[in-house]
């Protein structure tokens, strides 16, 4: 049986064609395409599938709120309907899932070398795990249950309110409020958020045409450029503070996993002591947070792996 898995982000779309096996799947082809170069998902799929390739089942992971297997993507002008996709592609089973639900299903597949542990903690086997990932946007999900029978809960916590922790962060809030009216977490903890932080620290308008992209800021920080370094330091502290809030909200004793495209690229900044302090400094809950593991997921294919897991299950149900 052939399966199709896809992880669609605002910037990149990862696609996998595989053959289902008794214990998982065997990869046949894996490709990353630029999402915004395609008008819709069908166009993207035509660019990926070769003549004669007819998957039986597909799982598509997407960034956006799902309802009745329909979704309007948050960071792309695409809408998808699972039933319409199945009919147009001749698939027996299609399931649309939130991108962080797919990543949560991929967690049991991670190997030790695919994680960088920022805080060891002490995770009980049955502990709830939380995922938090900054990329084109900011996603969240929770995982309970067992690796064999995970219970995954999706969320849209990236659109929750930003809570400043010090005078600098209060100034950041005041800097953004006139333009945005409300400052969400995603407004800061995302690729565009990096540019907003750079503008704030540099005393520039967020509309300045010379502002660098997130990738350019990371490159400049690696070269030691002072403003870029300060931007990534602030981003890392904000990221850790939000991770600590999520750990408290979910009582995520099983650990918090920072995933998505940005965290692995700024790893040296996340490994600093002030980042762990931002995660734990929430009295009177410091002792609790110090016992919660904090990891960075280094595998950027996590969502695709999780989508493949779901697609294999769908294909077996279709047999």
C-alpha atoms as a PDB file:
ATOM      1  CA  UNK A   1       0.000   0.000   0.000  1.00  0.00           C
ATOM      2  CA  UNK A   2       1.239   3.470  -0.875  1.00  0.00           C
ATOM      3  CA  UNK A   3       0.755   6.321   1.573  1.00  0.00           C
ATOM      4  CA  UNK A   4       1.162  10.066   1.213  1.00  0.00           C
ATOM      5  CA  UNK A   5       2.151  12.339   4.090  1.00  0.00           C
ATOM      6  CA  UNK A   6       2.527  16.099   3.951  1.00  0.00           C
ATOM      7  CA  UNK A   7       3.497  18.800   6.436  1.00  0.00           C
ATOM      8  CA  UNK A   8       2.426  22.177   5.050  1.00  0.00           C
ATOM      9  CA  UNK A   9       3.979  25.259   6.580  1.00  0.00           C
ATOM     10  CA  UNK A  10       3.704  28.885   5.598  1.00  0.00           C
ATOM     11  CA  UNK A  11       7.181  28.753   4.050  1.00  0.00           C
ATOM     12  CA  UNK A  12       7.949  25.122   3.217  1.00  0.00           C
ATOM     13  CA  UNK A  13       5.894  22.055   2.369  1.00  0.00           C
ATOM     14  CA  UNK A  14       7.415  18.649   3.131  1.00  0.00           C
ATOM     15  CA  UNK A  15       5.972  15.683   1.267  1.00  0.00           C
ATOM     16  CA  UNK A  16       6.586  11.967   1.647  1.00  0.00           C
ATOM     17  CA  UNK A  17       5.546   9.037  -0.522  1.00  0.00           C
ATOM     18  CA  UNK A  18       6.070   5.724   1.236  1.00  0.00           C
ATOM     19  CA  UNK A  19       5.117   2.080   1.219  1.00  0.00           C
ATOM     20  CA  UNK A  20       3.400   0.861   4.362  1.00  0.00           C
ATOM     21  CA  UNK A  21       5.026  -2.034   6.189  1.00  0.00           C
ATOM     22  CA  UNK A  22       4.040  -4.198   9.146  1.00  0.00           C
ATOM     23  CA  UNK A  23       5.966  -1.984  11.567  1.00  0.00           C
ATOM     24  CA  UNK A  24       5.687   1.419   9.909  1.00  0.00           C
ATOM     25  CA  UNK A  25       6.660   2.568   6.435  1.00  0.00           C
ATOM     26  CA  UNK A  26       9.486   2.518   3.896  1.00  0.00           C
ATOM     27  CA  UNK A  27      10.285   5.887   2.316  1.00  0.00           C
ATOM     28  CA  UNK A  28      10.120   5.983  -1.479  1.00  0.00           C
ATOM     29  CA  UNK A  29      10.449   9.725  -2.080  1.00  0.00           C
ATOM     30  CA  UNK A  30      10.857  12.762   0.157  1.00  0.00           C
ATOM     31  CA  UNK A  31      10.785  16.346  -1.105  1.00  0.00           C
ATOM     32  CA  UNK A  32      10.542  19.883   0.267  1.00  0.00           C
ATOM     33  CA  UNK A  33       8.810  22.500  -1.891  1.00  0.00           C
ATOM     34  CA  UNK A  34       8.183  26.219  -1.439  1.00  0.00           C
ATOM     35  CA  UNK A  35       4.559  26.561  -0.321  1.00  0.00           C
ATOM     36  CA  UNK A  36       3.999  30.062  -1.653  1.00  0.00           C
ATOM     37  CA  UNK A  37       5.003  29.111  -5.195  1.00  0.00           C
ATOM     38  CA  UNK A  38       1.765  27.143  -5.505  1.00  0.00           C
ATOM     39  CA  UNK A  39      -1.756  28.519  -5.757  1.00  0.00           C
ATOM     40  CA  UNK A  40      -3.280  25.658  -3.759  1.00  0.00           C
ATOM     41  CA  UNK A  41      -2.583  22.202  -2.378  1.00  0.00           C
ATOM     42  CA  UNK A  42      -3.627  20.423  -5.583  1.00  0.00           C
ATOM     43  CA  UNK A  43      -1.004  22.398  -7.510  1.00  0.00           C
ATOM     44  CA  UNK A  44       1.604  21.464  -4.908  1.00  0.00           C
ATOM     45  CA  UNK A  45       0.675  17.795  -5.124  1.00  0.00           C
ATOM     46  CA  UNK A  46       0.862  17.783  -8.938  1.00  0.00           C
ATOM     47  CA  UNK A  47       4.424  19.081  -8.599  1.00  0.00           C
ATOM     48  CA  UNK A  48       5.296  16.198  -6.246  1.00  0.00           C
ATOM     49  CA  UNK A  49       3.547  13.062  -7.500  1.00  0.00           C
ATOM     50  CA  UNK A  50       4.898  11.341 -10.585  1.00  0.00           C
ATOM     51  CA  UNK A  51       2.810   9.691 -13.254  1.00  0.00           C
ATOM     52  CA  UNK A  52       1.460   6.349 -12.052  1.00  0.00           C
ATOM     53  CA  UNK A  53       1.831   7.118  -8.329  1.00  0.00           C
ATOM     54  CA  UNK A  54      -1.533   6.539  -6.649  1.00  0.00           C
ATOM     55  CA  UNK A  55      -1.432   6.523  -2.838  1.00  0.00           C
ATOM     56  CA  UNK A  56      -4.242   4.738  -1.017  1.00  0.00           C
ATOM     57  CA  UNK A  57      -4.287   6.986   2.021  1.00  0.00           C
ATOM     58  CA  UNK A  58      -3.000  10.434   2.936  1.00  0.00           C
ATOM     59  CA  UNK A  59      -2.516  12.547   6.032  1.00  0.00           C
ATOM     60  CA  UNK A  60      -2.015  16.263   5.521  1.00  0.00           C
ATOM     61  CA  UNK A  61      -0.677  18.315   8.435  1.00  0.00           C
ATOM     62  CA  UNK A  62      -1.508  22.013   8.241  1.00  0.00           C
ATOM     63  CA  UNK A  63      -1.220  25.187  10.282  1.00  0.00           C
ATOM     64  CA  UNK A  64      -4.752  26.324  10.981  1.00  0.00           C
ATOM     65  CA  UNK A  65      -7.917  25.562  12.970  1.00  0.00           C
ATOM     66  CA  UNK A  66      -9.739  22.472  11.662  1.00  0.00           C
ATOM     67  CA  UNK A  67     -13.485  21.962  11.675  1.00  0.00           C
ATOM     68  CA  UNK A  68     -15.246  18.928  10.187  1.00  0.00           C
ATOM     69  CA  UNK A  69     -12.133  18.057   8.169  1.00  0.00           C
ATOM     70  CA  UNK A  70     -12.030  21.481   6.541  1.00  0.00           C
ATOM     71  CA  UNK A  71      -9.394  24.128   7.130  1.00  0.00           C
ATOM     72  CA  UNK A  72      -8.463  27.634   6.088  1.00  0.00           C
ATOM     73  CA  UNK A  73      -4.706  27.875   6.522  1.00  0.00           C
ATOM     74  CA  UNK A  74      -3.403  30.596   8.822  1.00  0.00           C
ATOM     75  CA  UNK A  75      -0.279  31.569   6.905  1.00  0.00           C
ATOM     76  CA  UNK A  76      -1.263  30.625   3.340  1.00  0.00           C
ATOM     77  CA  UNK A  77      -4.272  31.660   1.192  1.00  0.00           C
ATOM     78  CA  UNK A  78      -5.342  28.006   0.882  1.00  0.00           C
ATOM     79  CA  UNK A  79      -8.457  26.160   2.004  1.00  0.00           C
ATOM     80  CA  UNK A  80      -8.727  22.367   2.032  1.00  0.00           C
ATOM     81  CA  UNK A  81     -11.594  19.904   2.369  1.00  0.00           C
ATOM     82  CA  UNK A  82     -10.697  16.251   3.073  1.00  0.00           C
ATOM     83  CA  UNK A  83     -13.711  14.825   1.211  1.00  0.00           C
ATOM     84  CA  UNK A  84     -13.017  16.927  -1.880  1.00  0.00           C
ATOM     85  CA  UNK A  85      -9.348  15.945  -1.809  1.00  0.00           C
ATOM     86  CA  UNK A  86     -10.179  12.247  -1.565  1.00  0.00           C
ATOM     87  CA  UNK A  87     -12.532  12.488  -4.538  1.00  0.00           C
ATOM     88  CA  UNK A  88     -10.216  14.553  -6.735  1.00  0.00           C
ATOM     89  CA  UNK A  89      -7.139  12.451  -5.981  1.00  0.00           C
ATOM     90  CA  UNK A  90      -8.837   9.065  -5.974  1.00  0.00           C
ATOM     91  CA  UNK A  91      -7.784   8.326  -2.388  1.00  0.00           C
ATOM     92  CA  UNK A  92      -9.747   5.964  -0.183  1.00  0.00           C
ATOM     93  CA  UNK A  93      -8.767   7.767   3.032  1.00  0.00           C
ATOM     94  CA  UNK A  94      -7.668  11.364   3.645  1.00  0.00           C
ATOM     95  CA  UNK A  95      -7.261  12.979   7.040  1.00  0.00           C
ATOM     96  CA  UNK A  96      -6.404  16.623   7.698  1.00  0.00           C
ATOM     97  CA  UNK A  97      -4.674  17.308  11.012  1.00  0.00           C
ATOM     98  CA  UNK A  98      -3.262  20.343  12.724  1.00  0.00           C
ATOM     99  CA  UNK A  99       0.494  20.510  12.127  1.00  0.00           C
ATOM    100  CA  UNK A 100       1.228  20.283  15.836  1.00  0.00           C
ATOM    101  CA  UNK A 101      -1.030  17.262  16.211  1.00  0.00           C
ATOM    102  CA  UNK A 102       1.156  15.588  13.579  1.00  0.00           C
ATOM    103  CA  UNK A 103       4.310  16.581  15.451  1.00  0.00           C
ATOM    104  CA  UNK A 104       2.844  15.176  18.652  1.00  0.00           C
ATOM    105  CA  UNK A 105       2.260  11.826  16.916  1.00  0.00           C
ATOM    106  CA  UNK A 106       5.896  11.930  15.816  1.00  0.00           C
ATOM    107  CA  UNK A 107       7.298  12.365  19.336  1.00  0.00           C
ATOM    108  CA  UNK A 108       7.572   8.601  20.102  1.00  0.00           C
ATOM    109  CA  UNK A 109       9.737   8.198  16.993  1.00  0.00           C
ATOM    110  CA  UNK A 110      12.436  10.606  18.163  1.00  0.00           C
ATOM    111  CA  UNK A 111      15.880   9.181  18.891  1.00  0.00           C
ATOM    112  CA  UNK A 112      18.142  10.659  21.616  1.00  0.00           C
ATOM    113  CA  UNK A 113      20.406  12.350  19.049  1.00  0.00           C
ATOM    114  CA  UNK A 114      17.378  14.223  17.674  1.00  0.00           C
ATOM    115  CA  UNK A 115      16.917  16.108  20.941  1.00  0.00           C
ATOM    116  CA  UNK A 116      18.985  18.732  22.724  1.00  0.00           C
ATOM    117  CA  UNK A 117      18.088  18.859  26.408  1.00  0.00           C
ATOM    118  CA  UNK A 118      18.154  22.329  27.966  1.00  0.00           C
ATOM    119  CA  UNK A 119      16.925  21.142  31.376  1.00  0.00           C
ATOM    120  CA  UNK A 120      16.992  17.485  32.413  1.00  0.00           C
ATOM    121  CA  UNK A 121      14.224  17.510  34.999  1.00  0.00           C
ATOM    122  CA  UNK A 122      12.553  14.251  36.023  1.00  0.00           C
ATOM    123  CA  UNK A 123       9.802  13.067  33.695  1.00  0.00           C
ATOM    124  CA  UNK A 124       7.404  10.326  34.852  1.00  0.00           C
ATOM    125  CA  UNK A 125       6.514   7.878  32.035  1.00  0.00           C
ATOM    126  CA  UNK A 126       2.840   8.850  32.165  1.00  0.00           C
ATOM    127  CA  UNK A 127       3.486  12.604  32.288  1.00  0.00           C
ATOM    128  CA  UNK A 128       1.737  14.989  29.932  1.00  0.00           C
ATOM    129  CA  UNK A 129       4.080  16.381  27.267  1.00  0.00           C
ATOM    130  CA  UNK A 130       3.733  19.793  25.644  1.00  0.00           C
ATOM    131  CA  UNK A 131       4.941  20.959  22.229  1.00  0.00           C
ATOM    132  CA  UNK A 132       5.665  24.589  21.440  1.00  0.00           C
ATOM    133  CA  UNK A 133       7.042  25.575  18.064  1.00  0.00           C
ATOM    134  CA  UNK A 134       7.983  28.881  16.455  1.00  0.00           C
ATOM    135  CA  UNK A 135       8.219  29.072  12.671  1.00  0.00           C
ATOM    136  CA  UNK A 136       6.000  31.027  10.284  1.00  0.00           C
ATOM    137  CA  UNK A 137       3.631  31.166  13.278  1.00  0.00           C
ATOM    138  CA  UNK A 138       3.559  29.738  16.809  1.00  0.00           C
ATOM    139  CA  UNK A 139       1.955  26.354  17.407  1.00  0.00           C
ATOM    140  CA  UNK A 140       1.109  24.311  20.498  1.00  0.00           C
ATOM    141  CA  UNK A 141      -0.174  20.830  21.322  1.00  0.00           C
ATOM    142  CA  UNK A 142      -0.395  18.494  24.311  1.00  0.00           C
ATOM    143  CA  UNK A 143       0.187  14.726  24.440  1.00  0.00           C
ATOM    144  CA  UNK A 144      -1.190  12.406  27.119  1.00  0.00           C
ATOM    145  CA  UNK A 145      -1.731   8.647  27.165  1.00  0.00           C
ATOM    146  CA  UNK A 146       0.974   6.172  26.117  1.00  0.00           C
ATOM    147  CA  UNK A 147       3.287   5.971  23.072  1.00  0.00           C
ATOM    148  CA  UNK A 148       1.121   3.105  21.813  1.00  0.00           C
ATOM    149  CA  UNK A 149      -2.142   5.001  22.374  1.00  0.00           C
ATOM    150  CA  UNK A 150      -1.385   8.722  22.462  1.00  0.00           C
ATOM    151  CA  UNK A 151      -4.088  11.248  23.237  1.00  0.00           C
ATOM    152  CA  UNK A 152      -3.237  14.423  21.365  1.00  0.00           C
ATOM    153  CA  UNK A 153      -4.940  17.736  22.086  1.00  0.00           C
ATOM    154  CA  UNK A 154      -4.422  20.573  19.670  1.00  0.00           C
ATOM    155  CA  UNK A 155      -4.571  24.233  20.581  1.00  0.00           C
ATOM    156  CA  UNK A 156      -4.277  27.751  19.209  1.00  0.00           C
ATOM    157  CA  UNK A 157      -2.292  29.122  22.138  1.00  0.00           C
ATOM    158  CA  UNK A 158       0.000  31.015  19.789  1.00  0.00           C
ATOM    159  CA  UNK A 159      -2.774  33.592  19.550  1.00  0.00           C
ATOM    160  CA  UNK A 160      -2.948  34.082  23.327  1.00  0.00           C
ATOM    161  CA  UNK A 161      -1.877  37.417  24.823  1.00  0.00           C
ATOM    162  CA  UNK A 162       1.752  38.391  25.378  1.00  0.00           C
ATOM    163  CA  UNK A 163       2.524  38.902  29.087  1.00  0.00           C
ATOM    164  CA  UNK A 164       5.514  41.231  29.669  1.00  0.00           C
ATOM    165  CA  UNK A 165       7.894  40.223  32.475  1.00  0.00           C
ATOM    166  CA  UNK A 166      10.146  43.278  32.880  1.00  0.00           C
ATOM    167  CA  UNK A 167      10.566  46.915  31.870  1.00  0.00           C
ATOM    168  CA  UNK A 168      12.088  46.057  28.492  1.00  0.00           C
ATOM    169  CA  UNK A 169       9.170  43.790  27.649  1.00  0.00           C
ATOM    170  CA  UNK A 170       6.684  46.438  28.816  1.00  0.00           C
ATOM    171  CA  UNK A 171       8.369  48.858  26.407  1.00  0.00           C
ATOM    172  CA  UNK A 172       8.076  46.220  23.667  1.00  0.00           C
ATOM    173  CA  UNK A 173       4.340  45.930  24.318  1.00  0.00           C
ATOM    174  CA  UNK A 174       3.924  49.722  24.158  1.00  0.00           C
ATOM    175  CA  UNK A 175       5.966  49.771  20.929  1.00  0.00           C
ATOM    176  CA  UNK A 176       3.621  47.303  19.193  1.00  0.00           C
ATOM    177  CA  UNK A 177       0.213  48.236  20.631  1.00  0.00           C
ATOM    178  CA  UNK A 178      -0.414  51.355  18.486  1.00  0.00           C
ATOM    179  CA  UNK A 179       0.043  49.368  15.292  1.00  0.00           C
ATOM    180  CA  UNK A 180      -1.551  46.044  16.248  1.00  0.00           C
ATOM    181  CA  UNK A 181      -4.059  46.939  18.947  1.00  0.00           C
ATOM    182  CA  UNK A 182      -3.380  43.618  20.645  1.00  0.00           C
ATOM    183  CA  UNK A 183      -0.056  41.783  20.950  1.00  0.00           C
ATOM    184  CA  UNK A 184      -0.284  38.009  20.681  1.00  0.00           C
ATOM    185  CA  UNK A 185       2.509  35.522  21.360  1.00  0.00           C
ATOM    186  CA  UNK A 186       2.758  34.677  17.658  1.00  0.00           C
ATOM    187  CA  UNK A 187       3.361  38.324  16.838  1.00  0.00           C
ATOM    188  CA  UNK A 188       6.729  37.952  18.603  1.00  0.00           C
ATOM    189  CA  UNK A 189       7.600  34.242  18.554  1.00  0.00           C
ATOM    190  CA  UNK A 190       7.743  33.598  14.822  1.00  0.00           C
ATOM    191  CA  UNK A 191       9.927  34.451  11.843  1.00  0.00           C
ATOM    192  CA  UNK A 192       8.211  37.838  11.352  1.00  0.00           C
ATOM    193  CA  UNK A 193       8.388  38.258  15.133  1.00  0.00           C
ATOM    194  CA  UNK A 194      12.176  38.190  14.996  1.00  0.00           C
ATOM    195  CA  UNK A 195      12.079  41.132  12.595  1.00  0.00           C
ATOM    196  CA  UNK A 196       9.695  43.003  14.930  1.00  0.00           C
ATOM    197  CA  UNK A 197      12.052  42.460  17.863  1.00  0.00           C
ATOM    198  CA  UNK A 198      15.002  43.654  15.764  1.00  0.00           C
ATOM    199  CA  UNK A 199      13.099  46.829  14.831  1.00  0.00           C
ATOM    200  CA  UNK A 200      12.143  47.452  18.472  1.00  0.00           C
ATOM    201  CA  UNK A 201      15.689  47.055  19.791  1.00  0.00           C
ATOM    202  CA  UNK A 202      17.089  49.166  16.974  1.00  0.00           C
ATOM    203  CA  UNK A 203      14.587  51.975  17.472  1.00  0.00           C
ATOM    204  CA  UNK A 204      13.167  51.491  13.971  1.00  0.00           C
ATOM    205  CA  UNK A 205       9.655  51.387  12.616  1.00  0.00           C
ATOM    206  CA  UNK A 206       8.354  47.888  11.889  1.00  0.00           C
ATOM    207  CA  UNK A 207       7.582  49.229   8.399  1.00  0.00           C
ATOM    208  CA  UNK A 208      11.184  50.209   7.662  1.00  0.00           C
ATOM    209  CA  UNK A 209      12.066  48.788   4.217  1.00  0.00           C
ATOM    210  CA  UNK A 210      15.638  47.955   5.259  1.00  0.00           C
ATOM    211  CA  UNK A 211      14.690  45.562   8.077  1.00  0.00           C
ATOM    212  CA  UNK A 212      16.356  42.146   7.727  1.00  0.00           C
ATOM    213  CA  UNK A 213      14.495  38.851   7.502  1.00  0.00           C
ATOM    214  CA  UNK A 214      14.599  36.252  10.276  1.00  0.00           C
ATOM    215  CA  UNK A 215      17.246  34.272   8.364  1.00  0.00           C
ATOM    216  CA  UNK A 216      19.385  37.407   7.894  1.00  0.00           C
ATOM    217  CA  UNK A 217      19.107  38.246  11.597  1.00  0.00           C
ATOM    218  CA  UNK A 218      20.273  34.740  12.537  1.00  0.00           C
ATOM    219  CA  UNK A 219      23.195  34.987  10.119  1.00  0.00           C
ATOM    220  CA  UNK A 220      24.167  38.404  11.467  1.00  0.00           C
ATOM    221  CA  UNK A 221      23.993  37.115  15.048  1.00  0.00           C
ATOM    222  CA  UNK A 222      26.274  34.215  14.144  1.00  0.00           C
ATOM    223  CA  UNK A 223      28.737  36.813  12.832  1.00  0.00           C
ATOM    224  CA  UNK A 224      28.550  38.730  16.129  1.00  0.00           C
ATOM    225  CA  UNK A 225      26.498  41.741  14.975  1.00  0.00           C
ATOM    226  CA  UNK A 226      25.433  43.387  18.240  1.00  0.00           C
ATOM    227  CA  UNK A 227      21.792  44.219  17.431  1.00  0.00           C
ATOM    228  CA  UNK A 228      21.159  40.781  15.927  1.00  0.00           C
ATOM    229  CA  UNK A 229      22.677  39.093  18.988  1.00  0.00           C
ATOM    230  CA  UNK A 230      20.466  41.156  21.307  1.00  0.00           C
ATOM    231  CA  UNK A 231      17.432  40.232  19.189  1.00  0.00           C
ATOM    232  CA  UNK A 232      18.043  36.503  19.487  1.00  0.00           C
ATOM    233  CA  UNK A 233      18.768  36.829  23.211  1.00  0.00           C
ATOM    234  CA  UNK A 234      15.404  38.527  23.754  1.00  0.00           C
ATOM    235  CA  UNK A 235      13.621  36.032  21.485  1.00  0.00           C
ATOM    236  CA  UNK A 236      15.099  33.095  23.428  1.00  0.00           C
ATOM    237  CA  UNK A 237      14.017  34.526  26.790  1.00  0.00           C
ATOM    238  CA  UNK A 238      10.490  35.176  25.528  1.00  0.00           C
ATOM    239  CA  UNK A 239      10.325  31.663  24.065  1.00  0.00           C
ATOM    240  CA  UNK A 240      11.380  30.099  27.364  1.00  0.00           C
ATOM    241  CA  UNK A 241       8.938  32.201  29.387  1.00  0.00           C
ATOM    242  CA  UNK A 242       6.045  31.082  27.180  1.00  0.00           C
ATOM    243  CA  UNK A 243       7.277  27.476  27.457  1.00  0.00           C
ATOM    244  CA  UNK A 244       7.163  27.806  31.242  1.00  0.00           C
ATOM    245  CA  UNK A 245       3.610  29.155  31.080  1.00  0.00           C
ATOM    246  CA  UNK A 246       2.554  26.215  28.912  1.00  0.00           C
ATOM    247  CA  UNK A 247       4.231  23.790  31.317  1.00  0.00           C
ATOM    248  CA  UNK A 248       2.195  25.246  34.190  1.00  0.00           C
ATOM    249  CA  UNK A 249      -1.066  25.388  32.239  1.00  0.00           C
ATOM    250  CA  UNK A 250      -0.824  21.727  31.163  1.00  0.00           C
ATOM    251  CA  UNK A 251       1.144  20.505  34.194  1.00  0.00           C
ATOM    252  CA  UNK A 252       3.482  19.023  31.573  1.00  0.00           C
ATOM    253  CA  UNK A 253       5.545  16.800  33.859  1.00  0.00           C
ATOM    254  CA  UNK A 254       6.554  14.716  30.843  1.00  0.00           C
ATOM    255  CA  UNK A 255       8.466  17.655  29.404  1.00  0.00           C
ATOM    256  CA  UNK A 256       8.181  20.626  27.086  1.00  0.00           C
ATOM    257  CA  UNK A 257       9.504  20.226  23.543  1.00  0.00           C
ATOM    258  CA  UNK A 258      10.543  23.285  21.532  1.00  0.00           C
ATOM    259  CA  UNK A 259      10.059  22.316  17.895  1.00  0.00           C
ATOM    260  CA  UNK A 260       9.513  24.061  14.575  1.00  0.00           C
ATOM    261  CA  UNK A 261      12.027  25.629  12.238  1.00  0.00           C
ATOM    262  CA  UNK A 262      13.556  28.354  14.424  1.00  0.00           C
ATOM    263  CA  UNK A 263      14.657  26.595  17.633  1.00  0.00           C
ATOM    264  CA  UNK A 264      17.365  24.351  16.082  1.00  0.00           C
ATOM    265  CA  UNK A 265      18.813  27.343  14.234  1.00  0.00           C
ATOM    266  CA  UNK A 266      19.261  29.441  17.393  1.00  0.00           C
ATOM    267  CA  UNK A 267      20.367  26.603  19.667  1.00  0.00           C
ATOM    268  CA  UNK A 268      23.392  28.432  21.205  1.00  0.00           C
ATOM    269  CA  UNK A 269      21.059  31.175  22.443  1.00  0.00           C
ATOM    270  CA  UNK A 270      18.578  28.679  23.898  1.00  0.00           C
ATOM    271  CA  UNK A 271      21.332  26.862  25.801  1.00  0.00           C
ATOM    272  CA  UNK A 272      22.130  29.879  28.000  1.00  0.00           C
ATOM    273  CA  UNK A 273      21.413  30.017  31.719  1.00  0.00           C
ATOM    274  CA  UNK A 274      19.130  33.040  31.406  1.00  0.00           C
ATOM    275  CA  UNK A 275      16.839  30.985  29.168  1.00  0.00           C
ATOM    276  CA  UNK A 276      16.413  28.268  31.795  1.00  0.00           C
ATOM    277  CA  UNK A 277      15.842  31.053  34.330  1.00  0.00           C
ATOM    278  CA  UNK A 278      13.064  32.526  32.160  1.00  0.00           C
ATOM    279  CA  UNK A 279      11.462  29.068  32.005  1.00  0.00           C
ATOM    280  CA  UNK A 280      11.586  28.496  35.785  1.00  0.00           C
ATOM    281  CA  UNK A 281      11.206  31.999  37.273  1.00  0.00           C
ATOM    282  CA  UNK A 282       7.508  31.776  38.091  1.00  0.00           C
ATOM    283  CA  UNK A 283       7.214  31.841  41.884  1.00  0.00           C
ATOM    284  CA  UNK A 284       5.759  30.076  43.758  1.00  0.00           C
ATOM    285  CA  UNK A 285       6.102  27.335  41.102  1.00  0.00           C
ATOM    286  CA  UNK A 286       9.885  27.450  40.566  1.00  0.00           C
ATOM    287  CA  UNK A 287      10.548  24.060  42.205  1.00  0.00           C
ATOM    288  CA  UNK A 288       7.875  22.419  40.062  1.00  0.00           C
ATOM    289  CA  UNK A 289       9.239  23.915  36.852  1.00  0.00           C
ATOM    290  CA  UNK A 290      12.798  22.911  37.697  1.00  0.00           C
ATOM    291  CA  UNK A 291      11.622  19.272  37.650  1.00  0.00           C
ATOM    292  CA  UNK A 292      10.063  19.575  34.167  1.00  0.00           C
ATOM    293  CA  UNK A 293      12.386  18.606  31.278  1.00  0.00           C
ATOM    294  CA  UNK A 294      12.897  21.164  28.527  1.00  0.00           C
ATOM    295  CA  UNK A 295      14.083  19.938  25.119  1.00  0.00           C
ATOM    296  CA  UNK A 296      14.774  21.322  21.657  1.00  0.00           C
ATOM    297  CA  UNK A 297      13.692  19.004  18.835  1.00  0.00           C
ATOM    298  CA  UNK A 298      16.481  18.939  16.244  1.00  0.00           C
ATOM    299  CA  UNK A 299      14.553  16.860  13.683  1.00  0.00           C
ATOM    300  CA  UNK A 300      12.700  19.221  11.332  1.00  0.00           C
ATOM    301  CA  UNK A 301      10.847  16.242   9.821  1.00  0.00           C
ATOM    302  CA  UNK A 302       8.935  15.574  13.051  1.00  0.00           C
ATOM    303  CA  UNK A 303       5.555  16.662  11.665  1.00  0.00           C
ATOM    304  CA  UNK A 304       6.048  14.676   8.492  1.00  0.00           C
ATOM    305  CA  UNK A 305       6.887  11.543  10.484  1.00  0.00           C
ATOM    306  CA  UNK A 306       3.787  11.979  12.591  1.00  0.00           C
ATOM    307  CA  UNK A 307       1.638  12.469   9.476  1.00  0.00           C
ATOM    308  CA  UNK A 308       3.117   9.271   8.015  1.00  0.00           C
ATOM    309  CA  UNK A 309       2.191   7.389  11.201  1.00  0.00           C
ATOM    310  CA  UNK A 310      -1.406   8.546  10.822  1.00  0.00           C
ATOM    311  CA  UNK A 311      -1.460   7.748   7.079  1.00  0.00           C
ATOM    312  CA  UNK A 312      -0.294   4.165   7.748  1.00  0.00           C
ATOM    313  CA  UNK A 313      -3.137   3.724  10.245  1.00  0.00           C
ATOM    314  CA  UNK A 314      -5.631   5.064   7.701  1.00  0.00           C
ATOM    315  CA  UNK A 315      -4.355   2.703   5.007  1.00  0.00           C
ATOM    316  CA  UNK A 316      -4.742  -0.287   7.328  1.00  0.00           C
ATOM    317  CA  UNK A 317      -8.299   0.756   8.111  1.00  0.00           C
ATOM    318  CA  UNK A 318      -9.032   0.955   4.382  1.00  0.00           C
ATOM    319  CA  UNK A 319      -7.831  -2.627   3.722  1.00  0.00           C
END
